[in-house]
Amino acid sequence: MAEDEHSNIFRHRYGIEVLNDLQEVFLMYLKEAIHEDDMEYQKEQEEKENKNQHQISYSFR
């Protein structure tokens, strides 16, 4: 009986560690994806701004 309890406690603790590790990995990938998305959005905004500046310069010619 004591062996079963010990085994269950071990599995429970090990399972929590695995879940914590998986959560860390997931958060790392999530942060990376958000960063990439932000960089892509920033690049698109810069391209729009450059296009607008280009159009403005033509309108003054």
PDB file of N, CA and C in Angstrom:
ATOM      1  N   MET A   1       0.828  -1.202   0.000  1.00  0.00           N
ATOM      2  CA  MET A   1       0.000   0.000   0.000  1.00  0.00           C
ATOM      3  C   MET A   1       0.865   1.257   0.000  1.00  0.00           C
ATOM      4  N   ALA A   2       1.860   1.280   0.853  1.00  0.00           N
ATOM      5  CA  ALA A   2       2.749   2.442   0.934  1.00  0.00           C
ATOM      6  C   ALA A   2       3.488   2.638  -0.391  1.00  0.00           C
ATOM      7  N   GLU A   3       3.818   1.514  -1.045  1.00  0.00           N
ATOM      8  CA  GLU A   3       4.498   1.615  -2.329  1.00  0.00           C
ATOM      9  C   GLU A   3       3.602   2.279  -3.372  1.00  0.00           C
ATOM     10  N   ASP A   4       2.328   1.928  -3.384  1.00  0.00           N
ATOM     11  CA  ASP A   4       1.386   2.536  -4.320  1.00  0.00           C
ATOM     12  C   ASP A   4       1.266   4.036  -4.081  1.00  0.00           C
ATOM     13  N   GLU A   5       1.184   4.426  -2.814  1.00  0.00           N
ATOM     14  CA  GLU A   5       1.097   5.848  -2.484  1.00  0.00           C
ATOM     15  C   GLU A   5       2.337   6.580  -2.959  1.00  0.00           C
ATOM     16  N   HIS A   6       3.502   5.983  -2.679  1.00  0.00           N
ATOM     17  CA  HIS A   6       4.769   6.592  -3.092  1.00  0.00           C
ATOM     18  C   HIS A   6       4.801   6.728  -4.612  1.00  0.00           C
ATOM     19  N   SER A   7       4.378   5.696  -5.304  1.00  0.00           N
ATOM     20  CA  SER A   7       4.366   5.701  -6.759  1.00  0.00           C
ATOM     21  C   SER A   7       3.425   6.785  -7.296  1.00  0.00           C
ATOM     22  N   ASN A   8       2.247   6.910  -6.689  1.00  0.00           N
ATOM     23  CA  ASN A   8       1.295   7.938  -7.123  1.00  0.00           C
ATOM     24  C   ASN A   8       1.826   9.344  -6.879  1.00  0.00           C
ATOM     25  N   ILE A   9       2.463   9.536  -5.723  1.00  0.00           N
ATOM     26  CA  ILE A   9       3.036  10.849  -5.416  1.00  0.00           C
ATOM     27  C   ILE A   9       4.134  11.182  -6.417  1.00  0.00           C
ATOM     28  N   PHE A  10       4.984  10.177  -6.699  1.00  0.00           N
ATOM     29  CA  PHE A  10       6.054  10.397  -7.666  1.00  0.00           C
ATOM     30  C   PHE A  10       5.478  10.766  -9.037  1.00  0.00           C
ATOM     31  N   ARG A  11       4.492  10.003  -9.488  1.00  0.00           N
ATOM     32  CA  ARG A  11       3.885  10.288 -10.798  1.00  0.00           C
ATOM     33  C   ARG A  11       3.223  11.658 -10.812  1.00  0.00           C
ATOM     34  N   HIS A  12       2.578  12.006  -9.725  1.00  0.00           N
ATOM     35  CA  HIS A  12       1.917  13.311  -9.633  1.00  0.00           C
ATOM     36  C   HIS A  12       2.958  14.435  -9.732  1.00  0.00           C
ATOM     37  N   ARG A  13       4.018  14.338  -8.955  1.00  0.00           N
ATOM     38  CA  ARG A  13       5.070  15.372  -8.973  1.00  0.00           C
ATOM     39  C   ARG A  13       5.743  15.428 -10.334  1.00  0.00           C
ATOM     40  N   TYR A  14       6.033  14.246 -10.885  1.00  0.00           N
ATOM     41  CA  TYR A  14       6.674  14.192 -12.202  1.00  0.00           C
ATOM     42  C   TYR A  14       5.748  14.789 -13.260  1.00  0.00           C
ATOM     43  N   GLY A  15       4.465  14.474 -13.165  1.00  0.00           N
ATOM     44  CA  GLY A  15       3.493  15.020 -14.115  1.00  0.00           C
ATOM     45  C   GLY A  15       3.413  16.528 -14.041  1.00  0.00           C
ATOM     46  N   ILE A  16       3.452  17.072 -12.833  1.00  0.00           N
ATOM     47  CA  ILE A  16       3.414  18.527 -12.664  1.00  0.00           C
ATOM     48  C   ILE A  16       4.669  19.152 -13.261  1.00  0.00           C
ATOM     49  N   GLU A  17       5.832  18.529 -13.051  1.00  0.00           N
ATOM     50  CA  GLU A  17       7.072  19.046 -13.635  1.00  0.00           C
ATOM     51  C   GLU A  17       6.996  19.051 -15.153  1.00  0.00           C
ATOM     52  N   VAL A  18       6.485  17.973 -15.719  1.00  0.00           N
ATOM     53  CA  VAL A  18       6.355  17.892 -17.172  1.00  0.00           C
ATOM     54  C   VAL A  18       5.408  18.983 -17.674  1.00  0.00           C
ATOM     55  N   LEU A  19       4.280  19.157 -16.996  1.00  0.00           N
ATOM     56  CA  LEU A  19       3.343  20.202 -17.407  1.00  0.00           C
ATOM     57  C   LEU A  19       3.968  21.586 -17.296  1.00  0.00           C
ATOM     58  N   ASN A  20       4.731  21.822 -16.237  1.00  0.00           N
ATOM     59  CA  ASN A  20       5.411  23.109 -16.087  1.00  0.00           C
ATOM     60  C   ASN A  20       6.410  23.334 -17.211  1.00  0.00           C
ATOM     61  N   ASP A  21       7.157  22.288 -17.562  1.00  0.00           N
ATOM     62  CA  ASP A  21       8.117  22.397 -18.661  1.00  0.00           C
ATOM     63  C   ASP A  21       7.393  22.679 -19.979  1.00  0.00           C
ATOM     64  N   LEU A  22       6.307  21.978 -20.215  1.00  0.00           N
ATOM     65  CA  LEU A  22       5.535  22.203 -21.435  1.00  0.00           C
ATOM     66  C   LEU A  22       4.973  23.619 -21.478  1.00  0.00           C
ATOM     67  N   GLN A  23       4.532  24.111 -20.327  1.00  0.00           N
ATOM     68  CA  GLN A  23       4.006  25.467 -20.264  1.00  0.00           C
ATOM     69  C   GLN A  23       5.101  26.477 -20.603  1.00  0.00           C
ATOM     70  N   GLU A  24       6.295  26.269 -20.086  1.00  0.00           N
ATOM     71  CA  GLU A  24       7.412  27.173 -20.391  1.00  0.00           C
ATOM     72  C   GLU A  24       7.721  27.170 -21.878  1.00  0.00           C
ATOM     73  N   VAL A  25       7.760  25.985 -22.474  1.00  0.00           N
ATOM     74  CA  VAL A  25       8.042  25.878 -23.910  1.00  0.00           C
ATOM     75  C   VAL A  25       6.942  26.565 -24.714  1.00  0.00           C
ATOM     76  N   PHE A  26       5.692  26.318 -24.343  1.00  0.00           N
ATOM     77  CA  PHE A  26       4.570  26.948 -25.036  1.00  0.00           C
ATOM     78  C   PHE A  26       4.663  28.466 -24.951  1.00  0.00           C
ATOM     79  N   LEU A  27       4.955  28.995 -23.753  1.00  0.00           N
ATOM     80  CA  LEU A  27       5.055  30.440 -23.589  1.00  0.00           C
ATOM     81  C   LEU A  27       6.214  31.013 -24.398  1.00  0.00           C
ATOM     82  N   MET A  28       7.311  30.271 -24.470  1.00  0.00           N
ATOM     83  CA  MET A  28       8.453  30.720 -25.264  1.00  0.00           C
ATOM     84  C   MET A  28       8.054  30.833 -26.742  1.00  0.00           C
ATOM     85  N   TYR A  29       7.395  29.798 -27.264  1.00  0.00           N
ATOM     86  CA  TYR A  29       6.953  29.839 -28.657  1.00  0.00           C
ATOM     87  C   TYR A  29       5.913  30.935 -28.877  1.00  0.00           C
ATOM     88  N   LEU A  30       5.026  31.124 -27.911  1.00  0.00           N
ATOM     89  CA  LEU A  30       4.004  32.164 -28.023  1.00  0.00           C
ATOM     90  C   LEU A  30       4.645  33.543 -28.069  1.00  0.00           C
ATOM     91  N   LYS A  31       5.601  33.795 -27.188  1.00  0.00           N
ATOM     92  CA  LYS A  31       6.302  35.083 -27.187  1.00  0.00           C
ATOM     93  C   LYS A  31       7.024  35.306 -28.509  1.00  0.00           C
ATOM     94  N   GLU A  32       7.660  34.256 -29.019  1.00  0.00           N
ATOM     95  CA  GLU A  32       8.369  34.363 -30.294  1.00  0.00           C
ATOM     96  C   GLU A  32       7.401  34.671 -31.433  1.00  0.00           C
ATOM     97  N   ALA A  33       6.262  33.999 -31.439  1.00  0.00           N
ATOM     98  CA  ALA A  33       5.265  34.237 -32.488  1.00  0.00           C
ATOM     99  C   ALA A  33       4.712  35.653 -32.404  1.00  0.00           C
ATOM    100  N   ILE A  34       4.463  36.135 -31.202  1.00  0.00           N
ATOM    101  CA  ILE A  34       3.962  37.501 -31.027  1.00  0.00           C
ATOM    102  C   ILE A  34       5.013  38.496 -31.508  1.00  0.00           C
ATOM    103  N   HIS A  35       6.268  38.251 -31.173  1.00  0.00           N
ATOM    104  CA  HIS A  35       7.349  39.140 -31.598  1.00  0.00           C
ATOM    105  C   HIS A  35       7.441  39.173 -33.126  1.00  0.00           C
ATOM    106  N   GLU A  36       7.390  37.996 -33.759  1.00  0.00           N
ATOM    107  CA  GLU A  36       7.445  37.937 -35.224  1.00  0.00           C
ATOM    108  C   GLU A  36       6.263  38.676 -35.841  1.00  0.00           C
ATOM    109  N   ASP A  37       5.091  38.498 -35.259  1.00  0.00           N
ATOM    110  CA  ASP A  37       3.893  39.180 -35.758  1.00  0.00           C
ATOM    111  C   ASP A  37       4.033  40.690 -35.609  1.00  0.00           C
ATOM    112  N   ASP A  38       4.564  41.136 -34.463  1.00  0.00           N
ATOM    113  CA  ASP A  38       4.796  42.564 -34.250  1.00  0.00           C
ATOM    114  C   ASP A  38       5.782  43.124 -35.265  1.00  0.00           C
ATOM    115  N   MET A  39       6.847  42.366 -35.532  1.00  0.00           N
ATOM    116  CA  MET A  39       7.856  42.821 -36.494  1.00  0.00           C
ATOM    117  C   MET A  39       7.258  42.910 -37.898  1.00  0.00           C
ATOM    118  N   GLU A  40       6.434  41.936 -38.249  1.00  0.00           N
ATOM    119  CA  GLU A  40       5.784  41.947 -39.562  1.00  0.00           C
ATOM    120  C   GLU A  40       4.830  43.138 -39.670  1.00  0.00           C
ATOM    121  N   TYR A  41       4.070  43.388 -38.621  1.00  0.00           N
ATOM    122  CA  TYR A  41       3.144  44.521 -38.603  1.00  0.00           C
ATOM    123  C   TYR A  41       3.917  45.840 -38.715  1.00  0.00           C
ATOM    124  N   GLN A  42       5.016  45.940 -37.979  1.00  0.00           N
ATOM    125  CA  GLN A  42       5.823  47.162 -38.013  1.00  0.00           C
ATOM    126  C   GLN A  42       6.380  47.380 -39.424  1.00  0.00           C
ATOM    127  N   LYS A  43       6.830  46.314 -40.056  1.00  0.00           N
ATOM    128  CA  LYS A  43       7.363  46.416 -41.423  1.00  0.00           C
ATOM    129  C   LYS A  43       6.266  46.881 -42.385  1.00  0.00           C
ATOM    130  N   GLU A  44       5.063  46.320 -42.253  1.00  0.00           N
ATOM    131  CA  GLU A  44       3.942  46.735 -43.104  1.00  0.00           C
ATOM    132  C   GLU A  44       3.612  48.210 -42.896  1.00  0.00           C
ATOM    133  N   GLN A  45       3.638  48.649 -41.629  1.00  0.00           N
ATOM    134  CA  GLN A  45       3.346  50.054 -41.345  1.00  0.00           C
ATOM    135  C   GLN A  45       4.415  50.966 -41.941  1.00  0.00           C
ATOM    136  N   GLU A  46       5.670  50.566 -41.857  1.00  0.00           N
ATOM    137  CA  GLU A  46       6.753  51.358 -42.444  1.00  0.00           C
ATOM    138  C   GLU A  46       6.603  51.432 -43.955  1.00  0.00           C
ATOM    139  N   GLU A  47       6.219  50.312 -44.583  1.00  0.00           N
ATOM    140  CA  GLU A  47       6.008  50.314 -46.038  1.00  0.00           C
ATOM    141  C   GLU A  47       4.855  51.238 -46.418  1.00  0.00           C
ATOM    142  N   LYS A  48       3.773  51.219 -45.640  1.00  0.00           N
ATOM    143  CA  LYS A  48       2.645  52.122 -45.908  1.00  0.00           C
ATOM    144  C   LYS A  48       3.083  53.575 -45.753  1.00  0.00           C
ATOM    145  N   GLU A  49       3.853  53.853 -44.710  1.00  0.00           N
ATOM    146  CA  GLU A  49       4.339  55.208 -44.455  1.00  0.00           C
ATOM    147  C   GLU A  49       5.238  55.671 -45.607  1.00  0.00           C
ATOM    148  N   ASN A  50       6.132  54.801 -46.066  1.00  0.00           N
ATOM    149  CA  ASN A  50       7.009  55.144 -47.187  1.00  0.00           C
ATOM    150  C   ASN A  50       6.207  55.398 -48.453  1.00  0.00           C
ATOM    151  N   LYS A  51       5.182  54.574 -48.677  1.00  0.00           N
ATOM    152  CA  LYS A  51       4.326  54.748 -49.854  1.00  0.00           C
ATOM    153  C   LYS A  51       3.592  56.083 -49.765  1.00  0.00           C
ATOM    154  N   ASN A  52       3.069  56.405 -48.566  1.00  0.00           N
ATOM    155  CA  ASN A  52       2.377  57.681 -48.382  1.00  0.00           C
ATOM    156  C   ASN A  52       3.321  58.851 -48.589  1.00  0.00           C
ATOM    157  N   GLN A  53       4.535  58.768 -48.079  1.00  0.00           N
ATOM    158  CA  GLN A  53       5.522  59.839 -48.260  1.00  0.00           C
ATOM    159  C   GLN A  53       5.857  60.002 -49.739  1.00  0.00           C
ATOM    160  N   HIS A  54       5.968  58.893 -50.439  1.00  0.00           N
ATOM    161  CA  HIS A  54       6.257  58.923 -51.869  1.00  0.00           C
ATOM    162  C   HIS A  54       5.122  59.608 -52.625  1.00  0.00           C
ATOM    163  N   GLN A  55       3.876  59.285 -52.282  1.00  0.00           N
ATOM    164  CA  GLN A  55       2.716  59.904 -52.932  1.00  0.00           C
ATOM    165  C   GLN A  55       2.647  61.386 -52.603  1.00  0.00           C
ATOM    166  N   ILE A  56       2.966  61.757 -51.375  1.00  0.00           N
ATOM    167  CA  ILE A  56       2.946  63.166 -50.986  1.00  0.00           C
ATOM    168  C   ILE A  56       3.980  63.941 -51.779  1.00  0.00           C
ATOM    169  N   SER A  57       5.158  63.373 -51.982  1.00  0.00           N
ATOM    170  CA  SER A  57       6.213  64.077 -52.733  1.00  0.00           C
ATOM    171  C   SER A  57       5.785  64.281 -54.179  1.00  0.00           C
ATOM    172  N   TYR A  58       5.059  63.332 -54.762  1.00  0.00           N
ATOM    173  CA  TYR A  58       4.569  63.503 -56.134  1.00  0.00           C
ATOM    174  C   TYR A  58       3.507  64.598 -56.203  1.00  0.00           C
ATOM    175  N   SER A  59       2.699  64.710 -55.178  1.00  0.00           N
ATOM    176  CA  SER A  59       1.635  65.703 -55.227  1.00  0.00           C
ATOM    177  C   SER A  59       2.179  67.136 -55.145  1.00  0.00           C
ATOM    178  N   PHE A  60       3.389  67.302 -54.650  1.00  0.00           N
ATOM    179  CA  PHE A  60       3.988  68.640 -54.563  1.00  0.00           C
ATOM    180  C   PHE A  60       4.795  68.994 -55.792  1.00  0.00           C
ATOM    181  N   ARG A  61       4.986  68.064 -56.675  1.00  0.00           N
ATOM    182  CA  ARG A  61       5.789  68.346 -57.890  1.00  0.00           C
ATOM    183  C   ARG A  61       4.989  69.092 -58.915  1.00  0.00           C
TER     184      ARG A  61
END
